[in-house]
Amino acid sequence: MINLYNKVLSQVPTSLSPTEKVTFYSSVLRSILQVATLTSLERCSRYLPENEVDLEASLNRMQQPSDGLPVEIIESILPSLRTYVDRNLAHGWYKEGGGG
């Protein structure tokens, strides 16, 4: 994934204005967050107990995601993924209890 991300970043046209570059980078980041969210939800459906998280509600909301929605969903399901899949998953993304 990181190689794909770097490849996309290397293809930024040099003729873009600073505003257009921000728009481009924001779109790339938005796409990566959406893929990470959908992948995380897929792992939830595969490895978590049936009613551990509300997958249907999250998937419905992802049909028209706002900018903050992917992060909101990841932060809500990450504790369960850490409990049932891998305790070290997304190390550094989220600390339980709000610690930094």
C-alpha atoms as a PDB file:
ATOM      1  CA  MET A   1       0.000   0.000   0.000  1.00  0.00           C
ATOM      2  CA  ILE A   2       2.809   2.395   0.867  1.00  0.00           C
ATOM      3  CA  ASN A   3       4.403   1.778  -2.529  1.00  0.00           C
ATOM      4  CA  LEU A   4       1.122   2.565  -4.274  1.00  0.00           C
ATOM      5  CA  TYR A   5       0.717   5.707  -2.179  1.00  0.00           C
ATOM      6  CA  ASN A   6       4.249   6.870  -3.035  1.00  0.00           C
ATOM      7  CA  LYS A   7       3.644   6.147  -6.714  1.00  0.00           C
ATOM      8  CA  VAL A   8       0.493   8.269  -6.712  1.00  0.00           C
ATOM      9  CA  LEU A   9       2.294  11.100  -4.921  1.00  0.00           C
ATOM     10  CA  SER A  10       5.103  11.016  -7.474  1.00  0.00           C
ATOM     11  CA  GLN A  11       2.567  11.564 -10.263  1.00  0.00           C
ATOM     12  CA  VAL A  12       1.384  14.962  -9.041  1.00  0.00           C
ATOM     13  CA  PRO A  13       1.527  17.304 -12.040  1.00  0.00           C
ATOM     14  CA  THR A  14       4.061  20.077 -11.456  1.00  0.00           C
ATOM     15  CA  SER A  15       1.738  22.599 -13.076  1.00  0.00           C
ATOM     16  CA  LEU A  16      -0.775  22.454 -10.203  1.00  0.00           C
ATOM     17  CA  SER A  17      -1.308  25.548  -8.124  1.00  0.00           C
ATOM     18  CA  PRO A  18      -0.859  25.251  -4.346  1.00  0.00           C
ATOM     19  CA  THR A  19      -4.642  25.063  -3.929  1.00  0.00           C
ATOM     20  CA  GLU A  20      -4.916  22.292  -6.532  1.00  0.00           C
ATOM     21  CA  LYS A  21      -2.098  20.376  -4.805  1.00  0.00           C
ATOM     22  CA  VAL A  22      -3.954  20.518  -1.494  1.00  0.00           C
ATOM     23  CA  THR A  23      -7.079  19.243  -3.224  1.00  0.00           C
ATOM     24  CA  PHE A  24      -5.093  16.437  -4.870  1.00  0.00           C
ATOM     25  CA  TYR A  25      -3.386  15.359  -1.624  1.00  0.00           C
ATOM     26  CA  SER A  26      -6.677  15.554   0.281  1.00  0.00           C
ATOM     27  CA  SER A  27      -8.341  13.298  -2.282  1.00  0.00           C
ATOM     28  CA  VAL A  28      -5.527  10.749  -2.036  1.00  0.00           C
ATOM     29  CA  LEU A  29      -5.679  10.752   1.760  1.00  0.00           C
ATOM     30  CA  ARG A  30      -9.483  10.474   1.699  1.00  0.00           C
ATOM     31  CA  SER A  31      -9.259   7.444  -0.612  1.00  0.00           C
ATOM     32  CA  ILE A  32      -6.661   5.729   1.581  1.00  0.00           C
ATOM     33  CA  LEU A  33      -8.759   6.278   4.704  1.00  0.00           C
ATOM     34  CA  GLN A  34     -11.841   4.885   2.969  1.00  0.00           C
ATOM     35  CA  VAL A  35      -9.955   1.762   1.855  1.00  0.00           C
ATOM     36  CA  ALA A  36      -8.534   1.294   5.353  1.00  0.00           C
ATOM     37  CA  THR A  37     -12.007   1.654   6.837  1.00  0.00           C
ATOM     38  CA  LEU A  38     -13.657  -0.816   4.474  1.00  0.00           C
ATOM     39  CA  THR A  39     -10.799  -3.288   4.972  1.00  0.00           C
ATOM     40  CA  SER A  40     -11.167  -2.957   8.740  1.00  0.00           C
ATOM     41  CA  LEU A  41     -14.907  -3.531   8.509  1.00  0.00           C
ATOM     42  CA  GLU A  42     -14.284  -6.626   6.404  1.00  0.00           C
ATOM     43  CA  ARG A  43     -11.951  -7.958   9.094  1.00  0.00           C
ATOM     44  CA  CYS A  44     -14.675  -7.263  11.669  1.00  0.00           C
ATOM     45  CA  SER A  45     -17.188  -9.303   9.687  1.00  0.00           C
ATOM     46  CA  ARG A  46     -14.727 -12.145   9.378  1.00  0.00           C
ATOM     47  CA  TYR A  47     -13.172 -12.322  12.858  1.00  0.00           C
ATOM     48  CA  LEU A  48     -15.416 -10.621  15.425  1.00  0.00           C
ATOM     49  CA  PRO A  49     -18.451 -12.073  17.208  1.00  0.00           C
ATOM     50  CA  GLU A  50     -21.633 -11.265  15.324  1.00  0.00           C
ATOM     51  CA  ASN A  51     -22.916  -8.372  17.454  1.00  0.00           C
ATOM     52  CA  GLU A  52     -19.589  -6.902  18.558  1.00  0.00           C
ATOM     53  CA  VAL A  53     -19.867  -3.910  16.199  1.00  0.00           C
ATOM     54  CA  ASP A  54     -22.722  -2.553  14.101  1.00  0.00           C
ATOM     55  CA  LEU A  55     -21.325  -3.376  10.662  1.00  0.00           C
ATOM     56  CA  GLU A  56     -24.525  -2.603   8.795  1.00  0.00           C
ATOM     57  CA  ALA A  57     -24.743   0.934  10.178  1.00  0.00           C
ATOM     58  CA  SER A  58     -21.084   1.610   9.387  1.00  0.00           C
ATOM     59  CA  LEU A  59     -21.382   0.235   5.862  1.00  0.00           C
ATOM     60  CA  ASN A  60     -24.527   2.283   5.245  1.00  0.00           C
ATOM     61  CA  ARG A  61     -22.784   5.437   6.421  1.00  0.00           C
ATOM     62  CA  MET A  62     -19.766   4.669   4.186  1.00  0.00           C
ATOM     63  CA  GLN A  63     -22.012   4.867   1.134  1.00  0.00           C
ATOM     64  CA  GLN A  64     -21.828   8.663   1.472  1.00  0.00           C
ATOM     65  CA  PRO A  65     -18.883   9.308   3.788  1.00  0.00           C
ATOM     66  CA  SER A  66     -18.113  12.690   5.254  1.00  0.00           C
ATOM     67  CA  ASP A  67     -14.446  13.577   5.660  1.00  0.00           C
ATOM     68  CA  GLY A  68     -14.271  12.527   9.310  1.00  0.00           C
ATOM     69  CA  LEU A  69     -16.306   9.333   9.009  1.00  0.00           C
ATOM     70  CA  PRO A  70     -13.513   6.866   8.135  1.00  0.00           C
ATOM     71  CA  VAL A  71     -11.468   7.956  11.159  1.00  0.00           C
ATOM     72  CA  GLU A  72     -14.572   7.817  13.370  1.00  0.00           C
ATOM     73  CA  ILE A  73     -15.355   4.260  12.270  1.00  0.00           C
ATOM     74  CA  ILE A  74     -11.769   3.042  12.601  1.00  0.00           C
ATOM     75  CA  GLU A  75     -11.506   4.494  16.102  1.00  0.00           C
ATOM     76  CA  SER A  76     -14.780   2.847  17.114  1.00  0.00           C
ATOM     77  CA  ILE A  77     -13.881  -0.650  15.849  1.00  0.00           C
ATOM     78  CA  LEU A  78     -10.156  -0.696  16.596  1.00  0.00           C
ATOM     79  CA  PRO A  79     -10.524  -1.761  20.251  1.00  0.00           C
ATOM     80  CA  SER A  80     -12.587  -4.798  19.154  1.00  0.00           C
ATOM     81  CA  LEU A  81     -10.120  -5.651  16.389  1.00  0.00           C
ATOM     82  CA  ARG A  82      -7.317  -5.477  18.928  1.00  0.00           C
ATOM     83  CA  THR A  83      -9.230  -7.739  21.281  1.00  0.00           C
ATOM     84  CA  TYR A  84     -10.174 -10.430  18.755  1.00  0.00           C
ATOM     85  CA  VAL A  85      -7.599 -10.155  15.946  1.00  0.00           C
ATOM     86  CA  ASP A  86      -4.253  -8.667  16.977  1.00  0.00           C
ATOM     87  CA  ARG A  87      -3.389  -6.693  20.093  1.00  0.00           C
ATOM     88  CA  ASN A  88      -0.745  -4.720  18.170  1.00  0.00           C
ATOM     89  CA  LEU A  89      -3.011  -3.792  15.265  1.00  0.00           C
ATOM     90  CA  ALA A  90      -2.615  -0.158  14.143  1.00  0.00           C
ATOM     91  CA  HIS A  91      -0.061   0.526  16.857  1.00  0.00           C
ATOM     92  CA  GLY A  92       0.184   4.256  17.370  1.00  0.00           C
ATOM     93  CA  TRP A  93      -3.187   5.040  15.773  1.00  0.00           C
ATOM     94  CA  TYR A  94      -5.296   4.899  18.901  1.00  0.00           C
ATOM     95  CA  LYS A  95      -4.661   4.601  22.590  1.00  0.00           C
ATOM     96  CA  GLU A  96      -7.463   3.330  24.798  1.00  0.00           C
ATOM     97  CA  GLY A  97      -8.527   5.816  27.450  1.00  0.00           C
ATOM     98  CA  GLY A  98      -7.430   8.790  25.335  1.00  0.00           C
ATOM     99  CA  GLY A  99      -3.770   8.542  26.335  1.00  0.00           C
ATOM    100  CA  GLY A 100      -1.230   9.972  23.929  1.00  0.00           C
END
